[in-house]
N, C-alpha and C. Protein backbone atom coordinates (compact mmCIF):
# COMPACT_ATOMS: atom_id res chain seq x y z
N MET A 1 -16.71 57.13 61.77
CA MET A 1 -16.09 57.63 62.97
C MET A 1 -15.94 59.15 62.83
N THR A 2 -16.16 59.86 63.91
CA THR A 2 -16.07 61.30 63.86
C THR A 2 -14.61 61.74 63.91
N ASP A 3 -14.41 63.00 63.50
CA ASP A 3 -13.05 63.54 63.51
C ASP A 3 -12.48 63.59 64.93
N LYS A 4 -13.36 63.86 65.91
CA LYS A 4 -12.92 63.94 67.30
C LYS A 4 -12.43 62.57 67.78
N ASN A 5 -13.17 61.52 67.45
CA ASN A 5 -12.76 60.17 67.83
C ASN A 5 -11.48 59.75 67.12
N GLU A 6 -11.38 60.10 65.85
CA GLU A 6 -10.16 59.77 65.09
C GLU A 6 -8.95 60.44 65.71
N LYS A 7 -9.12 61.70 66.13
CA LYS A 7 -8.01 62.43 66.75
C LYS A 7 -7.62 61.78 68.07
N LYS A 8 -8.61 61.38 68.88
CA LYS A 8 -8.32 60.71 70.14
C LYS A 8 -7.56 59.42 69.92
N ILE A 9 -8.01 58.64 68.96
CA ILE A 9 -7.35 57.37 68.66
C ILE A 9 -5.92 57.61 68.20
N LYS A 10 -5.74 58.59 67.34
CA LYS A 10 -4.39 58.90 66.85
C LYS A 10 -3.50 59.39 67.98
N ASP A 11 -4.05 60.26 68.84
CA ASP A 11 -3.27 60.77 69.97
C ASP A 11 -2.88 59.65 70.93
N ASP A 12 -3.85 58.77 71.22
CA ASP A 12 -3.56 57.64 72.11
C ASP A 12 -2.51 56.72 71.52
N TYR A 13 -2.59 56.49 70.22
CA TYR A 13 -1.61 55.64 69.56
C TYR A 13 -0.22 56.26 69.66
N GLU A 14 -0.12 57.53 69.35
CA GLU A 14 1.17 58.22 69.40
C GLU A 14 1.74 58.22 70.82
N TYR A 15 0.88 58.47 71.80
CA TYR A 15 1.32 58.49 73.19
C TYR A 15 1.83 57.11 73.62
N SER A 16 1.07 56.08 73.29
CA SER A 16 1.47 54.71 73.64
C SER A 16 2.77 54.34 72.95
N ARG A 17 2.87 54.70 71.71
CA ARG A 17 4.08 54.38 70.94
C ARG A 17 5.29 55.07 71.54
N ASP A 18 5.14 56.36 71.87
CA ASP A 18 6.24 57.10 72.49
C ASP A 18 6.63 56.50 73.84
N THR A 19 5.63 56.09 74.61
CA THR A 19 5.89 55.48 75.92
C THR A 19 6.68 54.19 75.76
N TYR A 20 6.27 53.35 74.81
CA TYR A 20 7.01 52.11 74.58
C TYR A 20 8.45 52.39 74.17
N TYR A 21 8.65 53.39 73.31
CA TYR A 21 10.01 53.74 72.91
C TYR A 21 10.84 54.21 74.10
N GLU A 22 10.23 55.01 74.98
CA GLU A 22 10.95 55.48 76.17
C GLU A 22 11.32 54.30 77.07
N ILE A 23 10.38 53.38 77.25
CA ILE A 23 10.66 52.20 78.07
C ILE A 23 11.80 51.40 77.48
N LEU A 24 11.79 51.24 76.17
CA LEU A 24 12.86 50.47 75.52
C LEU A 24 14.21 51.17 75.65
N GLU A 25 14.24 52.48 75.50
CA GLU A 25 15.51 53.21 75.62
C GLU A 25 16.05 53.13 77.05
N LYS A 26 15.19 53.36 78.04
CA LYS A 26 15.62 53.27 79.44
C LYS A 26 16.03 51.84 79.77
N GLY A 27 15.31 50.88 79.22
CA GLY A 27 15.63 49.47 79.45
C GLY A 27 17.00 49.10 78.88
N LYS A 28 17.33 49.66 77.71
CA LYS A 28 18.66 49.39 77.13
C LYS A 28 19.76 49.91 78.04
N GLU A 29 19.57 51.13 78.54
CA GLU A 29 20.56 51.71 79.44
C GLU A 29 20.69 50.88 80.71
N SER A 30 19.56 50.52 81.29
CA SER A 30 19.57 49.72 82.52
C SER A 30 20.20 48.35 82.29
N MET A 31 19.93 47.77 81.14
CA MET A 31 20.48 46.46 80.84
C MET A 31 22.00 46.52 80.72
N GLU A 32 22.51 47.59 80.11
CA GLU A 32 23.97 47.73 80.01
C GLU A 32 24.60 47.80 81.40
N LEU A 33 23.96 48.58 82.30
CA LEU A 33 24.47 48.66 83.66
C LEU A 33 24.38 47.32 84.37
N MET A 34 23.30 46.61 84.18
CA MET A 34 23.11 45.32 84.83
C MET A 34 24.11 44.30 84.30
N ILE A 35 24.46 44.39 83.03
CA ILE A 35 25.48 43.49 82.47
C ILE A 35 26.80 43.69 83.20
N GLU A 36 27.15 44.96 83.44
CA GLU A 36 28.40 45.25 84.16
C GLU A 36 28.35 44.71 85.59
N VAL A 37 27.22 44.93 86.26
CA VAL A 37 27.07 44.44 87.64
C VAL A 37 27.19 42.92 87.67
N ALA A 38 26.53 42.24 86.73
CA ALA A 38 26.56 40.78 86.71
C ALA A 38 27.98 40.26 86.44
N ARG A 39 28.69 40.94 85.53
CA ARG A 39 30.06 40.51 85.22
C ARG A 39 30.98 40.67 86.43
N GLU A 40 30.87 41.84 87.05
CA GLU A 40 31.80 42.14 88.15
C GLU A 40 31.48 41.34 89.40
N SER A 41 30.21 41.16 89.69
CA SER A 41 29.86 40.46 90.93
C SER A 41 29.87 38.94 90.76
N GLU A 42 29.58 38.50 89.55
CA GLU A 42 29.47 37.08 89.25
C GLU A 42 28.50 36.38 90.20
N HIS A 43 27.53 37.13 90.67
CA HIS A 43 26.52 36.59 91.59
C HIS A 43 25.35 36.04 90.76
N PRO A 44 24.86 34.85 91.10
CA PRO A 44 23.77 34.25 90.33
C PRO A 44 22.51 35.12 90.29
N ARG A 45 22.23 35.82 91.38
CA ARG A 45 21.04 36.68 91.42
C ARG A 45 21.16 37.81 90.41
N ALA A 46 22.33 38.35 90.20
CA ALA A 46 22.54 39.43 89.23
C ALA A 46 22.24 38.92 87.82
N PHE A 47 22.65 37.70 87.52
CA PHE A 47 22.36 37.13 86.21
C PHE A 47 20.87 36.82 86.05
N GLU A 48 20.23 36.44 87.15
CA GLU A 48 18.80 36.19 87.12
C GLU A 48 18.04 37.50 86.82
N VAL A 49 18.44 38.57 87.48
CA VAL A 49 17.81 39.87 87.25
C VAL A 49 18.04 40.31 85.81
N LEU A 50 19.24 40.09 85.29
CA LEU A 50 19.56 40.46 83.91
C LEU A 50 18.69 39.69 82.93
N SER A 51 18.52 38.41 83.14
CA SER A 51 17.69 37.62 82.22
C SER A 51 16.23 38.06 82.29
N THR A 52 15.76 38.45 83.48
CA THR A 52 14.39 38.96 83.62
C THR A 52 14.23 40.27 82.87
N MET A 53 15.25 41.12 82.97
CA MET A 53 15.20 42.40 82.24
C MET A 53 15.15 42.16 80.73
N MET A 54 15.92 41.20 80.26
CA MET A 54 15.94 40.90 78.83
C MET A 54 14.57 40.39 78.37
N LYS A 55 13.95 39.54 79.19
CA LYS A 55 12.62 39.03 78.84
C LYS A 55 11.61 40.17 78.82
N ASN A 56 11.69 41.06 79.79
CA ASN A 56 10.77 42.20 79.84
C ASN A 56 10.94 43.11 78.63
N MET A 57 12.17 43.30 78.19
CA MET A 57 12.42 44.12 77.00
C MET A 57 11.81 43.46 75.76
N ALA A 58 11.94 42.16 75.66
CA ALA A 58 11.34 41.44 74.53
C ALA A 58 9.82 41.57 74.57
N ASP A 59 9.23 41.51 75.77
CA ASP A 59 7.79 41.67 75.90
C ASP A 59 7.33 43.06 75.47
N VAL A 60 8.09 44.08 75.82
CA VAL A 60 7.75 45.45 75.41
C VAL A 60 7.83 45.57 73.89
N ASN A 61 8.83 44.94 73.30
CA ASN A 61 8.93 44.94 71.83
C ASN A 61 7.69 44.30 71.20
N ASP A 62 7.24 43.18 71.78
CA ASP A 62 6.03 42.51 71.27
C ASP A 62 4.81 43.42 71.41
N LYS A 63 4.73 44.11 72.54
CA LYS A 63 3.59 45.01 72.76
C LYS A 63 3.61 46.16 71.76
N LEU A 64 4.79 46.64 71.42
CA LEU A 64 4.91 47.70 70.42
C LEU A 64 4.41 47.22 69.07
N MET A 65 4.78 46.00 68.71
CA MET A 65 4.32 45.45 67.44
C MET A 65 2.81 45.22 67.46
N ASP A 66 2.27 44.75 68.59
CA ASP A 66 0.83 44.57 68.72
C ASP A 66 0.10 45.91 68.59
N LEU A 67 0.68 46.95 69.17
CA LEU A 67 0.09 48.28 69.07
C LEU A 67 0.00 48.72 67.61
N ASN A 68 1.06 48.48 66.85
CA ASN A 68 1.05 48.84 65.43
C ASN A 68 0.01 48.04 64.66
N LYS A 69 -0.12 46.76 64.98
CA LYS A 69 -1.12 45.92 64.31
C LYS A 69 -2.54 46.40 64.63
N LYS A 70 -2.78 46.71 65.90
CA LYS A 70 -4.10 47.20 66.31
C LYS A 70 -4.42 48.52 65.62
N ASN A 71 -3.43 49.40 65.52
CA ASN A 71 -3.65 50.68 64.84
C ASN A 71 -3.98 50.45 63.37
N LYS A 72 -3.30 49.52 62.75
CA LYS A 72 -3.57 49.21 61.35
C LYS A 72 -4.99 48.66 61.19
N ASP A 73 -5.39 47.77 62.11
CA ASP A 73 -6.73 47.19 62.06
C ASP A 73 -7.80 48.25 62.24
N ILE A 74 -7.60 49.18 63.15
CA ILE A 74 -8.56 50.26 63.37
C ILE A 74 -8.69 51.12 62.12
N ASN A 75 -7.58 51.44 61.50
CA ASN A 75 -7.61 52.28 60.31
C ASN A 75 -8.21 51.56 59.11
N GLN A 76 -8.06 50.24 59.04
CA GLN A 76 -8.61 49.49 57.91
C GLN A 76 -10.11 49.34 58.03
N LYS A 77 -10.67 49.39 59.23
CA LYS A 77 -12.11 49.26 59.40
C LYS A 77 -12.83 50.42 58.72
N ASP A 78 -12.18 51.56 58.66
CA ASP A 78 -12.79 52.73 58.05
C ASP A 78 -12.80 52.66 56.53
N GLU A 79 -11.87 51.90 55.97
CA GLU A 79 -11.76 51.80 54.52
C GLU A 79 -12.61 50.62 54.02
N PRO A 80 -13.29 50.81 52.90
CA PRO A 80 -14.05 49.67 52.36
C PRO A 80 -13.11 48.58 51.87
N LYS A 81 -13.53 47.37 52.07
CA LYS A 81 -12.70 46.25 51.63
C LYS A 81 -12.77 46.14 50.12
N GLN A 82 -11.61 45.95 49.52
CA GLN A 82 -11.55 45.81 48.08
C GLN A 82 -11.47 44.33 47.73
N LEU A 83 -12.25 43.96 46.75
CA LEU A 83 -12.23 42.58 46.30
C LEU A 83 -11.15 42.42 45.25
N GLY A 84 -10.54 41.29 45.25
CA GLY A 84 -9.51 41.02 44.26
C GLY A 84 -10.12 40.65 42.91
N ASN A 85 -9.31 40.58 41.91
CA ASN A 85 -9.77 40.18 40.58
C ASN A 85 -9.94 38.68 40.53
N THR A 86 -10.98 38.23 39.86
CA THR A 86 -11.20 36.82 39.66
C THR A 86 -10.66 36.44 38.30
N THR A 87 -9.71 35.55 38.30
CA THR A 87 -9.09 35.14 37.05
C THR A 87 -9.85 33.97 36.43
N ASN A 88 -10.12 32.97 37.21
CA ASN A 88 -10.80 31.77 36.71
C ASN A 88 -11.99 31.47 37.60
N ASN A 89 -13.11 31.14 36.98
CA ASN A 89 -14.28 30.69 37.71
C ASN A 89 -14.52 29.23 37.36
N LEU A 90 -15.03 28.49 38.33
CA LEU A 90 -15.30 27.08 38.10
C LEU A 90 -16.69 26.78 38.62
N PHE A 91 -17.54 26.23 37.75
CA PHE A 91 -18.87 25.82 38.15
C PHE A 91 -18.88 24.31 38.24
N VAL A 92 -19.32 23.81 39.39
CA VAL A 92 -19.41 22.38 39.57
C VAL A 92 -20.89 22.02 39.59
N GLY A 93 -21.31 21.36 38.57
CA GLY A 93 -22.70 20.97 38.44
C GLY A 93 -22.97 20.53 37.02
N THR A 94 -24.24 20.20 36.77
CA THR A 94 -24.60 19.74 35.43
C THR A 94 -24.93 20.95 34.55
N THR A 95 -25.02 20.71 33.26
CA THR A 95 -25.40 21.75 32.32
C THR A 95 -26.79 22.28 32.64
N THR A 96 -27.67 21.40 33.04
CA THR A 96 -29.03 21.79 33.41
C THR A 96 -29.00 22.73 34.62
N ASP A 97 -28.17 22.43 35.62
CA ASP A 97 -28.05 23.30 36.79
C ASP A 97 -27.55 24.68 36.39
N LEU A 98 -26.58 24.72 35.49
CA LEU A 98 -26.03 26.00 35.04
C LEU A 98 -27.09 26.79 34.28
N GLN A 99 -27.85 26.14 33.42
CA GLN A 99 -28.90 26.84 32.68
C GLN A 99 -29.98 27.37 33.61
N ARG A 100 -30.33 26.61 34.63
CA ARG A 100 -31.32 27.09 35.61
C ARG A 100 -30.79 28.31 36.36
N LEU A 101 -29.53 28.25 36.74
CA LEU A 101 -28.91 29.36 37.45
C LEU A 101 -28.91 30.62 36.59
N ILE A 102 -28.51 30.50 35.34
CA ILE A 102 -28.49 31.64 34.43
C ILE A 102 -29.90 32.15 34.19
N HIS A 103 -30.84 31.25 34.00
CA HIS A 103 -32.23 31.64 33.75
C HIS A 103 -32.81 32.39 34.96
N ASN A 104 -32.55 31.91 36.18
CA ASN A 104 -33.06 32.57 37.39
C ASN A 104 -32.45 33.95 37.58
N GLU A 105 -31.18 34.13 37.24
CA GLU A 105 -30.54 35.44 37.37
C GLU A 105 -31.10 36.41 36.34
N ASN A 106 -31.40 35.93 35.16
CA ASN A 106 -31.86 36.81 34.08
C ASN A 106 -33.37 36.87 33.97
N GLN A 107 -34.07 36.25 34.88
CA GLN A 107 -35.53 36.22 34.80
C GLN A 107 -36.07 37.65 34.88
N GLY A 108 -36.84 37.99 33.91
CA GLY A 108 -37.40 39.33 33.87
C GLY A 108 -36.49 40.35 33.20
N VAL A 109 -35.29 39.96 32.84
CA VAL A 109 -34.36 40.87 32.18
C VAL A 109 -34.37 40.56 30.69
N VAL A 110 -34.63 41.59 29.90
CA VAL A 110 -34.66 41.42 28.45
C VAL A 110 -33.37 41.98 27.89
N ILE A 111 -32.66 41.15 27.16
CA ILE A 111 -31.43 41.59 26.53
C ILE A 111 -31.75 41.85 25.05
N ASP A 112 -31.56 43.08 24.66
CA ASP A 112 -31.85 43.47 23.28
C ASP A 112 -30.56 43.42 22.47
N ALA A 113 -30.47 42.44 21.60
CA ALA A 113 -29.27 42.28 20.80
C ALA A 113 -29.13 43.39 19.76
N GLU A 114 -30.25 43.89 19.26
CA GLU A 114 -30.22 44.96 18.27
C GLU A 114 -31.01 46.14 18.82
N PRO A 115 -30.29 47.15 19.38
CA PRO A 115 -31.02 48.29 19.92
C PRO A 115 -31.74 49.05 18.82
N GLU A 116 -32.87 49.65 19.22
CA GLU A 116 -33.66 50.43 18.25
C GLU A 116 -32.87 51.65 17.82
N SER A 117 -32.91 51.91 16.52
CA SER A 117 -32.24 53.11 16.02
C SER A 117 -33.26 54.23 15.94
N GLU A 118 -32.80 55.44 16.13
CA GLU A 118 -33.72 56.59 16.15
C GLU A 118 -33.85 57.23 14.83
């Protein structure tokens, strides 16, 4: 990925993240006001609006987390995947199968047990 594309992606991520934070902050303020309205009016519609606001806030939180996951995925694509260490290997087959496998891998390879001295 080019530096220009990386900068665009980073800028878009930061902008989206900031927007979600602003939405959440404004939503908190609005929800506090709506709680007061619902308490004082005791009208069912006010409580319905309040519950919708709460659901919308939860959705924005989920979108913020998804944004972070997507950003992590984009950044990991650039890095080579590292393989873990293999502690134990298990071969399932006969001794003959194992010898054929080893022979085919080493075919044409000469292993010199005693290197020539100069």
